[in-house]
Amino acid sequence: MINTLPVSLTPDEQSRRNSIAALLRGNATSDKHLDDARHIFEAAKHGGYFVTTDKRILKLKDPIYDMCTVQVMTPSEAIARIEVKDAKSERDA
């Protein structure tokens, strides 16, 4: 039998996620940015990269990096980064 325990964010994690949401929201009044903030927060927690075509998020990539060290990039930038790492790995092999 497999059991899964529900987990929740710590108060510090909630604060960081809410700070990201506030940055994304800017002067808007809706909470439609919460999902984006959650995805960026999880990228910061587990990987450090966030690939998107959302122009609003891409415009904020520097403040997002300053806030949580996530590198926001377009799909083509991500592919270029992978190709560079692959080429470096081949040279080092």
PDB file of N, CA and C in Angstrom:
ATOM      1  N   MET A   1       0.833  -1.172   0.000  1.00  0.00           N
ATOM      2  CA  MET A   1       0.000   0.000   0.000  1.00  0.00           C
ATOM      3  C   MET A   1       0.884   1.245   0.000  1.00  0.00           C
ATOM      4  N   ILE A   2       0.519   2.192  -0.833  1.00  0.00           N
ATOM      5  CA  ILE A   2       1.252   3.455  -0.898  1.00  0.00           C
ATOM      6  C   ILE A   2       0.412   4.528  -0.224  1.00  0.00           C
ATOM      7  N   ASN A   3       1.047   5.240   0.678  1.00  0.00           N
ATOM      8  CA  ASN A   3       0.382   6.336   1.372  1.00  0.00           C
ATOM      9  C   ASN A   3       1.040   7.646   0.985  1.00  0.00           C
ATOM     10  N   THR A   4       0.254   8.651   0.812  1.00  0.00           N
ATOM     11  CA  THR A   4       0.774   9.985   0.539  1.00  0.00           C
ATOM     12  C   THR A   4       0.287  10.912   1.630  1.00  0.00           C
ATOM     13  N   LEU A   5       1.227  11.624   2.200  1.00  0.00           N
ATOM     14  CA  LEU A   5       0.868  12.591   3.226  1.00  0.00           C
ATOM     15  C   LEU A   5       0.771  13.975   2.615  1.00  0.00           C
ATOM     16  N   PRO A   6      -0.262  14.705   2.948  1.00  0.00           N
ATOM     17  CA  PRO A   6      -0.356  16.073   2.423  1.00  0.00           C
ATOM     18  C   PRO A   6       0.765  16.932   3.022  1.00  0.00           C
ATOM     19  N   VAL A   7       1.325  17.774   2.204  1.00  0.00           N
ATOM     20  CA  VAL A   7       2.360  18.685   2.676  1.00  0.00           C
ATOM     21  C   VAL A   7       1.927  20.111   2.356  1.00  0.00           C
ATOM     22  N   SER A   8       2.464  21.022   3.114  1.00  0.00           N
ATOM     23  CA  SER A   8       2.147  22.420   2.852  1.00  0.00           C
ATOM     24  C   SER A   8       3.423  23.231   2.938  1.00  0.00           C
ATOM     25  N   LEU A   9       3.344  24.454   2.477  1.00  0.00           N
ATOM     26  CA  LEU A   9       4.497  25.332   2.515  1.00  0.00           C
ATOM     27  C   LEU A   9       4.724  25.839   3.933  1.00  0.00           C
ATOM     28  N   THR A  10       5.983  26.045   4.252  1.00  0.00           N
ATOM     29  CA  THR A  10       6.314  26.665   5.530  1.00  0.00           C
ATOM     30  C   THR A  10       5.914  28.144   5.453  1.00  0.00           C
ATOM     31  N   PRO A  11       5.816  28.824   6.583  1.00  0.00           N
ATOM     32  CA  PRO A  11       5.502  30.260   6.528  1.00  0.00           C
ATOM     33  C   PRO A  11       6.503  31.046   5.673  1.00  0.00           C
ATOM     34  N   ASP A  12       7.793  30.687   5.740  1.00  0.00           N
ATOM     35  CA  ASP A  12       8.796  31.375   4.921  1.00  0.00           C
ATOM     36  C   ASP A  12       8.546  31.118   3.440  1.00  0.00           C
ATOM     37  N   GLU A  13       8.224  29.884   3.083  1.00  0.00           N
ATOM     38  CA  GLU A  13       7.946  29.555   1.688  1.00  0.00           C
ATOM     39  C   GLU A  13       6.696  30.284   1.198  1.00  0.00           C
ATOM     40  N   GLN A  14       5.677  30.359   2.031  1.00  0.00           N
ATOM     41  CA  GLN A  14       4.471  31.093   1.666  1.00  0.00           C
ATOM     42  C   GLN A  14       4.788  32.562   1.416  1.00  0.00           C
ATOM     43  N   SER A  15       5.639  33.120   2.263  1.00  0.00           N
ATOM     44  CA  SER A  15       6.030  34.519   2.109  1.00  0.00           C
ATOM     45  C   SER A  15       6.773  34.742   0.796  1.00  0.00           C
ATOM     46  N   ARG A  16       7.706  33.839   0.469  1.00  0.00           N
ATOM     47  CA  ARG A  16       8.451  33.969  -0.789  1.00  0.00           C
ATOM     48  C   ARG A  16       7.524  33.831  -1.987  1.00  0.00           C
ATOM     49  N   ARG A  17       6.611  32.867  -1.944  1.00  0.00           N
ATOM     50  CA  ARG A  17       5.660  32.696  -3.053  1.00  0.00           C
ATOM     51  C   ARG A  17       4.778  33.931  -3.195  1.00  0.00           C
ATOM     52  N   ASN A  18       4.336  34.493  -2.074  1.00  0.00           N
ATOM     53  CA  ASN A  18       3.494  35.683  -2.120  1.00  0.00           C
ATOM     54  C   ASN A  18       4.259  36.898  -2.647  1.00  0.00           C
ATOM     55  N   SER A  19       5.556  36.969  -2.346  1.00  0.00           N
ATOM     56  CA  SER A  19       6.374  38.069  -2.874  1.00  0.00           C
ATOM     57  C   SER A  19       6.499  37.965  -4.386  1.00  0.00           C
ATOM     58  N   ILE A  20       6.668  36.742  -4.885  1.00  0.00           N
ATOM     59  CA  ILE A  20       6.727  36.530  -6.333  1.00  0.00           C
ATOM     60  C   ILE A  20       5.387  36.924  -6.957  1.00  0.00           C
ATOM     61  N   ALA A  21       4.289  36.527  -6.332  1.00  0.00           N
ATOM     62  CA  ALA A  21       2.957  36.863  -6.850  1.00  0.00           C
ATOM     63  C   ALA A  21       2.761  38.375  -6.886  1.00  0.00           C
ATOM     64  N   ALA A  22       3.214  39.071  -5.855  1.00  0.00           N
ATOM     65  CA  ALA A  22       3.082  40.536  -5.816  1.00  0.00           C
ATOM     66  C   ALA A  22       3.881  41.178  -6.948  1.00  0.00           C
ATOM     67  N   LEU A  23       5.072  40.656  -7.203  1.00  0.00           N
ATOM     68  CA  LEU A  23       5.886  41.175  -8.300  1.00  0.00           C
ATOM     69  C   LEU A  23       5.181  40.969  -9.633  1.00  0.00           C
ATOM     70  N   LEU A  24       4.649  39.776  -9.844  1.00  0.00           N
ATOM     71  CA  LEU A  24       3.958  39.473 -11.102  1.00  0.00           C
ATOM     72  C   LEU A  24       2.677  40.280 -11.249  1.00  0.00           C
ATOM     73  N   ARG A  25       1.983  40.486 -10.148  1.00  0.00           N
ATOM     74  CA  ARG A  25       0.702  41.187 -10.168  1.00  0.00           C
ATOM     75  C   ARG A  25       0.888  42.661 -10.503  1.00  0.00           C
ATOM     76  N   GLY A  26       1.949  43.279  -9.986  1.00  0.00           N
ATOM     77  CA  GLY A  26       2.152  44.704 -10.230  1.00  0.00           C
ATOM     78  C   GLY A  26       0.973  45.501  -9.717  1.00  0.00           C
ATOM     79  N   ASN A  27       0.368  46.305 -10.564  1.00  0.00           N
ATOM     80  CA  ASN A  27      -0.773  47.137 -10.177  1.00  0.00           C
ATOM     81  C   ASN A  27      -2.117  46.469 -10.434  1.00  0.00           C
ATOM     82  N   ALA A  28      -2.109  45.251 -10.974  1.00  0.00           N
ATOM     83  CA  ALA A  28      -3.369  44.548 -11.257  1.00  0.00           C
ATOM     84  C   ALA A  28      -4.074  44.208  -9.948  1.00  0.00           C
ATOM     85  N   THR A  29      -5.361  44.021 -10.029  1.00  0.00           N
ATOM     86  CA  THR A  29      -6.133  43.714  -8.825  1.00  0.00           C
ATOM     87  C   THR A  29      -6.556  42.257  -8.726  1.00  0.00           C
ATOM     88  N   SER A  30      -6.391  41.496  -9.791  1.00  0.00           N
ATOM     89  CA  SER A  30      -6.843  40.099  -9.744  1.00  0.00           C
ATOM     90  C   SER A  30      -5.745  39.199  -9.199  1.00  0.00           C
ATOM     91  N   ASP A  31      -6.133  37.992  -8.867  1.00  0.00           N
ATOM     92  CA  ASP A  31      -5.179  36.996  -8.375  1.00  0.00           C
ATOM     93  C   ASP A  31      -4.826  35.986  -9.460  1.00  0.00           C
ATOM     94  N   LYS A  32      -4.979  36.371 -10.726  1.00  0.00           N
ATOM     95  CA  LYS A  32      -4.694  35.427 -11.808  1.00  0.00           C
ATOM     96  C   LYS A  32      -3.209  35.095 -11.907  1.00  0.00           C
ATOM     97  N   HIS A  33      -2.375  35.804 -11.179  1.00  0.00           N
ATOM     98  CA  HIS A  33      -0.935  35.571 -11.227  1.00  0.00           C
ATOM     99  C   HIS A  33      -0.464  34.526 -10.213  1.00  0.00           C
ATOM    100  N   LEU A  34      -1.375  34.044  -9.388  1.00  0.00           N
ATOM    101  CA  LEU A  34      -0.977  33.097  -8.345  1.00  0.00           C
ATOM    102  C   LEU A  34      -0.425  31.794  -8.915  1.00  0.00           C
ATOM    103  N   ASP A  35      -1.020  31.293  -9.976  1.00  0.00           N
ATOM    104  CA  ASP A  35      -0.512  30.056 -10.583  1.00  0.00           C
ATOM    105  C   ASP A  35       0.902  30.260 -11.132  1.00  0.00           C
ATOM    106  N   ASP A  36       1.121  31.390 -11.815  1.00  0.00           N
ATOM    107  CA  ASP A  36       2.459  31.689 -12.319  1.00  0.00           C
ATOM    108  C   ASP A  36       3.452  31.782 -11.164  1.00  0.00           C
ATOM    109  N   ALA A  37       3.056  32.454 -10.102  1.00  0.00           N
ATOM    110  CA  ALA A  37       3.935  32.598  -8.931  1.00  0.00           C
ATOM    111  C   ALA A  37       4.258  31.236  -8.334  1.00  0.00           C
ATOM    112  N   ARG A  38       3.270  30.366  -8.272  1.00  0.00           N
ATOM    113  CA  ARG A  38       3.501  29.023  -7.718  1.00  0.00           C
ATOM    114  C   ARG A  38       4.501  28.254  -8.584  1.00  0.00           C
ATOM    115  N   HIS A  39       4.368  28.360  -9.897  1.00  0.00           N
ATOM    116  CA  HIS A  39       5.292  27.655 -10.799  1.00  0.00           C
ATOM    117  C   HIS A  39       6.713  28.207 -10.657  1.00  0.00           C
ATOM    118  N   ILE A  40       6.839  29.518 -10.594  1.00  0.00           N
ATOM    119  CA  ILE A  40       8.168  30.119 -10.447  1.00  0.00           C
ATOM    120  C   ILE A  40       8.759  29.753  -9.096  1.00  0.00           C
ATOM    121  N   PHE A  41       7.945  29.779  -8.044  1.00  0.00           N
ATOM    122  CA  PHE A  41       8.415  29.394  -6.717  1.00  0.00           C
ATOM    123  C   PHE A  41       8.938  27.960  -6.732  1.00  0.00           C
ATOM    124  N   GLU A  42       8.195  27.045  -7.348  1.00  0.00           N
ATOM    125  CA  GLU A  42       8.622  25.646  -7.414  1.00  0.00           C
ATOM    126  C   GLU A  42       9.906  25.506  -8.237  1.00  0.00           C
ATOM    127  N   ALA A  43      10.043  26.298  -9.294  1.00  0.00           N
ATOM    128  CA  ALA A  43      11.283  26.275 -10.071  1.00  0.00           C
ATOM    129  C   ALA A  43      12.459  26.713  -9.203  1.00  0.00           C
ATOM    130  N   ALA A  44      12.244  27.709  -8.373  1.00  0.00           N
ATOM    131  CA  ALA A  44      13.309  28.169  -7.470  1.00  0.00           C
ATOM    132  C   ALA A  44      13.652  27.093  -6.452  1.00  0.00           C
ATOM    133  N   LYS A  45      12.653  26.413  -5.986  1.00  0.00           N
ATOM    134  CA  LYS A  45      12.844  25.399  -4.946  1.00  0.00           C
ATOM    135  C   LYS A  45      13.530  24.148  -5.482  1.00  0.00           C
ATOM    136  N   HIS A  46      13.258  23.804  -6.743  1.00  0.00           N
ATOM    137  CA  HIS A  46      13.700  22.506  -7.252  1.00  0.00           C
ATOM    138  C   HIS A  46      14.614  22.532  -8.472  1.00  0.00           C
ATOM    139  N   GLY A  47      14.747  23.666  -9.137  1.00  0.00           N
ATOM    140  CA  GLY A  47      15.530  23.587 -10.360  1.00  0.00           C
ATOM    141  C   GLY A  47      16.280  24.837 -10.752  1.00  0.00           C
ATOM    142  N   GLY A  48      15.675  25.967 -10.630  1.00  0.00           N
ATOM    143  CA  GLY A  48      16.351  27.208 -10.950  1.00  0.00           C
ATOM    144  C   GLY A  48      16.106  27.763 -12.336  1.00  0.00           C
ATOM    145  N   TYR A  49      15.317  27.057 -13.161  1.00  0.00           N
ATOM    146  CA  TYR A  49      14.995  27.547 -14.499  1.00  0.00           C
ATOM    147  C   TYR A  49      13.483  27.587 -14.671  1.00  0.00           C
ATOM    148  N   PHE A  50      13.010  28.605 -15.393  1.00  0.00           N
ATOM    149  CA  PHE A  50      11.595  28.712 -15.713  1.00  0.00           C
ATOM    150  C   PHE A  50      11.502  29.118 -17.173  1.00  0.00           C
ATOM    151  N   VAL A  51      10.959  28.235 -18.004  1.00  0.00           N
ATOM    152  CA  VAL A  51      10.866  28.461 -19.440  1.00  0.00           C
ATOM    153  C   VAL A  51       9.437  28.874 -19.763  1.00  0.00           C
ATOM    154  N   THR A  52       9.305  29.996 -20.474  1.00  0.00           N
ATOM    155  CA  THR A  52       7.976  30.526 -20.764  1.00  0.00           C
ATOM    156  C   THR A  52       7.995  31.371 -22.033  1.00  0.00           C
ATOM    157  N   THR A  53       6.822  31.569 -22.599  1.00  0.00           N
ATOM    158  CA  THR A  53       6.654  32.528 -23.684  1.00  0.00           C
ATOM    159  C   THR A  53       5.824  33.725 -23.224  1.00  0.00           C
ATOM    160  N   ASP A  54       5.482  33.764 -21.949  1.00  0.00           N
ATOM    161  CA  ASP A  54       4.668  34.846 -21.379  1.00  0.00           C
ATOM    162  C   ASP A  54       5.505  36.126 -21.320  1.00  0.00           C
ATOM    163  N   LYS A  55       5.140  37.091 -22.144  1.00  0.00           N
ATOM    164  CA  LYS A  55       5.919  38.332 -22.241  1.00  0.00           C
ATOM    165  C   LYS A  55       5.963  39.104 -20.923  1.00  0.00           C
ATOM    166  N   ARG A  56       4.877  39.054 -20.179  1.00  0.00           N
ATOM    167  CA  ARG A  56       4.832  39.756 -18.886  1.00  0.00           C
ATOM    168  C   ARG A  56       5.883  39.192 -17.939  1.00  0.00           C
ATOM    169  N   ILE A  57       5.999  37.880 -17.896  1.00  0.00           N
ATOM    170  CA  ILE A  57       6.987  37.239 -17.021  1.00  0.00           C
ATOM    171  C   ILE A  57       8.399  37.485 -17.560  1.00  0.00           C
ATOM    172  N   LEU A  58       8.571  37.398 -18.871  1.00  0.00           N
ATOM    173  CA  LEU A  58       9.892  37.617 -19.455  1.00  0.00           C
ATOM    174  C   LEU A  58      10.408  39.028 -19.177  1.00  0.00           C
ATOM    175  N   LYS A  59       9.516  40.007 -19.163  1.00  0.00           N
ATOM    176  CA  LYS A  59       9.923  41.385 -18.852  1.00  0.00           C
ATOM    177  C   LYS A  59      10.431  41.510 -17.417  1.00  0.00           C
ATOM    178  N   LEU A  60       9.987  40.610 -16.561  1.00  0.00           N
ATOM    179  CA  LEU A  60      10.351  40.661 -15.142  1.00  0.00           C
ATOM    180  C   LEU A  60      11.470  39.683 -14.791  1.00  0.00           C
ATOM    181  N   LYS A  61      12.160  39.151 -15.800  1.00  0.00           N
ATOM    182  CA  LYS A  61      13.131  38.097 -15.503  1.00  0.00           C
ATOM    183  C   LYS A  61      14.264  38.565 -14.590  1.00  0.00           C
ATOM    184  N   ASP A  62      14.714  39.796 -14.710  1.00  0.00           N
ATOM    185  CA  ASP A  62      15.787  40.270 -13.828  1.00  0.00           C
ATOM    186  C   ASP A  62      15.317  40.414 -12.383  1.00  0.00           C
ATOM    187  N   PRO A  63      14.167  41.074 -12.131  1.00  0.00           N
ATOM    188  CA  PRO A  63      13.697  41.139 -10.738  1.00  0.00           C
ATOM    189  C   PRO A  63      13.345  39.767 -10.158  1.00  0.00           C
ATOM    190  N   ILE A  64      12.855  38.853 -11.000  1.00  0.00           N
ATOM    191  CA  ILE A  64      12.556  37.498 -10.521  1.00  0.00           C
ATOM    192  C   ILE A  64      13.854  36.821 -10.104  1.00  0.00           C
ATOM    193  N   TYR A  65      14.896  36.970 -10.919  1.00  0.00           N
ATOM    194  CA  TYR A  65      16.183  36.369 -10.563  1.00  0.00           C
ATOM    195  C   TYR A  65      16.711  36.968  -9.259  1.00  0.00           C
ATOM    196  N   ASP A  66      16.609  38.286  -9.127  1.00  0.00           N
ATOM    197  CA  ASP A  66      17.078  38.944  -7.906  1.00  0.00           C
ATOM    198  C   ASP A  66      16.309  38.454  -6.679  1.00  0.00           C
ATOM    199  N   MET A  67      15.031  38.156  -6.871  1.00  0.00           N
ATOM    200  CA  MET A  67      14.183  37.745  -5.757  1.00  0.00           C
ATOM    201  C   MET A  67      14.406  36.289  -5.360  1.00  0.00           C
ATOM    202  N   CYS A  68      14.562  35.403  -6.350  1.00  0.00           N
ATOM    203  CA  CYS A  68      14.583  33.978  -6.002  1.00  0.00           C
ATOM    204  C   CYS A  68      15.558  33.148  -6.827  1.00  0.00           C
ATOM    205  N   THR A  69      16.477  33.777  -7.519  1.00  0.00           N
ATOM    206  CA  THR A  69      17.525  33.140  -8.328  1.00  0.00           C
ATOM    207  C   THR A  69      17.005  32.141  -9.371  1.00  0.00           C
ATOM    208  N   VAL A  70      15.828  32.374  -9.880  1.00  0.00           N
ATOM    209  CA  VAL A  70      15.308  31.570 -10.987  1.00  0.00           C
ATOM    210  C   VAL A  70      15.688  32.270 -12.288  1.00  0.00           C
ATOM    211  N   GLN A  71      16.232  31.511 -13.213  1.00  0.00           N
ATOM    212  CA  GLN A  71      16.564  32.055 -14.523  1.00  0.00           C
ATOM    213  C   GLN A  71      15.370  31.857 -15.444  1.00  0.00           C
ATOM    214  N   VAL A  72      14.688  32.953 -15.758  1.00  0.00           N
ATOM    215  CA  VAL A  72      13.528  32.929 -16.648  1.00  0.00           C
ATOM    216  C   VAL A  72      14.045  33.084 -18.071  1.00  0.00           C
ATOM    217  N   MET A  73      13.563  32.224 -18.962  1.00  0.00           N
ATOM    218  CA  MET A  73      14.029  32.279 -20.347  1.00  0.00           C
ATOM    219  C   MET A  73      12.955  31.770 -21.296  1.00  0.00           C
ATOM    220  N   THR A  74      13.146  32.112 -22.571  1.00  0.00           N
ATOM    221  CA  THR A  74      12.250  31.627 -23.612  1.00  0.00           C
ATOM    222  C   THR A  74      12.644  30.190 -23.965  1.00  0.00           C
ATOM    223  N   PRO A  75      11.761  29.478 -24.654  1.00  0.00           N
ATOM    224  CA  PRO A  75      12.129  28.118 -25.086  1.00  0.00           C
ATOM    225  C   PRO A  75      13.396  28.107 -25.954  1.00  0.00           C
ATOM    226  N   SER A  76      13.538  29.076 -26.850  1.00  0.00           N
ATOM    227  CA  SER A  76      14.734  29.089 -27.702  1.00  0.00           C
ATOM    228  C   SER A  76      15.994  29.353 -26.882  1.00  0.00           C
ATOM    229  N   GLU A  77      15.910  30.189 -25.849  1.00  0.00           N
ATOM    230  CA  GLU A  77      17.057  30.408 -24.970  1.00  0.00           C
ATOM    231  C   GLU A  77      17.408  29.132 -24.199  1.00  0.00           C
ATOM    232  N   ALA A  78      16.399  28.396 -23.786  1.00  0.00           N
ATOM    233  CA  ALA A  78      16.635  27.140 -23.068  1.00  0.00           C
ATOM    234  C   ALA A  78      17.319  26.117 -23.976  1.00  0.00           C
ATOM    235  N   ILE A  79      16.859  26.025 -25.215  1.00  0.00           N
ATOM    236  CA  ILE A  79      17.473  25.096 -26.169  1.00  0.00           C
ATOM    237  C   ILE A  79      18.924  25.482 -26.427  1.00  0.00           C
ATOM    238  N   ALA A  80      19.175  26.770 -26.590  1.00  0.00           N
ATOM    239  CA  ALA A  80      20.549  27.232 -26.816  1.00  0.00           C
ATOM    240  C   ALA A  80      21.436  26.878 -25.627  1.00  0.00           C
ATOM    241  N   ARG A  81      20.919  27.030 -24.425  1.00  0.00           N
ATOM    242  CA  ARG A  81      21.690  26.694 -23.214  1.00  0.00           C
ATOM    243  C   ARG A  81      22.015  25.196 -23.198  1.00  0.00           C
ATOM    244  N   ILE A  82      21.038  24.371 -23.550  1.00  0.00           N
ATOM    245  CA  ILE A  82      21.257  22.916 -23.584  1.00  0.00           C
ATOM    246  C   ILE A  82      22.306  22.569 -24.633  1.00  0.00           C
ATOM    247  N   GLU A  83      22.213  23.192 -25.808  1.00  0.00           N
ATOM    248  CA  GLU A  83      23.176  22.911 -26.870  1.00  0.00           C
ATOM    249  C   GLU A  83      24.587  23.298 -26.452  1.00  0.00           C
ATOM    250  N   VAL A  84      24.745  24.402 -25.764  1.00  0.00           N
ATOM    251  CA  VAL A  84      26.060  24.827 -25.287  1.00  0.00           C
ATOM    252  C   VAL A  84      26.602  23.817 -24.282  1.00  0.00           C
ATOM    253  N   LYS A  85      25.747  23.376 -23.355  1.00  0.00           N
ATOM    254  CA  LYS A  85      26.196  22.384 -22.365  1.00  0.00           C
ATOM    255  C   LYS A  85      26.551  21.066 -23.031  1.00  0.00           C
ATOM    256  N   ASP A  86      25.765  20.656 -24.035  1.00  0.00           N
ATOM    257  CA  ASP A  86      26.068  19.416 -24.757  1.00  0.00           C
ATOM    258  C   ASP A  86      27.407  19.527 -25.481  1.00  0.00           C
ATOM    259  N   ALA A  87      27.640  20.648 -26.136  1.00  0.00           N
ATOM    260  CA  ALA A  87      28.911  20.852 -26.848  1.00  0.00           C
ATOM    261  C   ALA A  87      30.078  20.836 -25.868  1.00  0.00           C
ATOM    262  N   LYS A  88      29.904  21.457 -24.715  1.00  0.00           N
ATOM    263  CA  LYS A  88      30.963  21.475 -23.708  1.00  0.00           C
ATOM    264  C   LYS A  88      31.227  20.058 -23.199  1.00  0.00           C
ATOM    265  N   SER A  89      30.168  19.294 -22.973  1.00  0.00           N
ATOM    266  CA  SER A  89      30.332  17.916 -22.503  1.00  0.00           C
ATOM    267  C   SER A  89      31.088  17.077 -23.533  1.00  0.00           C
ATOM    268  N   GLU A  90      30.791  17.273 -24.816  1.00  0.00           N
ATOM    269  CA  GLU A  90      31.481  16.519 -25.874  1.00  0.00           C
ATOM    270  C   GLU A  90      32.957  16.894 -25.922  1.00  0.00           C
ATOM    271  N   ARG A  91      33.264  18.182 -25.739  1.00  0.00           N
ATOM    272  CA  ARG A  91      34.670  18.617 -25.741  1.00  0.00           C
ATOM    273  C   ARG A  91      35.432  18.041 -24.546  1.00  0.00           C
ATOM    274  N   ASP A  92      34.749  17.976 -23.402  1.00  0.00           N
ATOM    275  CA  ASP A  92      35.394  17.498 -22.176  1.00  0.00           C
ATOM    276  C   ASP A  92      35.538  15.980 -22.140  1.00  0.00           C
ATOM    277  N   ALA A  93      34.792  15.277 -22.999  1.00  0.00           N
ATOM    278  CA  ALA A  93      34.823  13.797 -22.975  1.00  0.00           C
ATOM    279  C   ALA A  93      36.077  13.238 -23.578  1.00  0.00           C
TER     280      ALA A  93
END
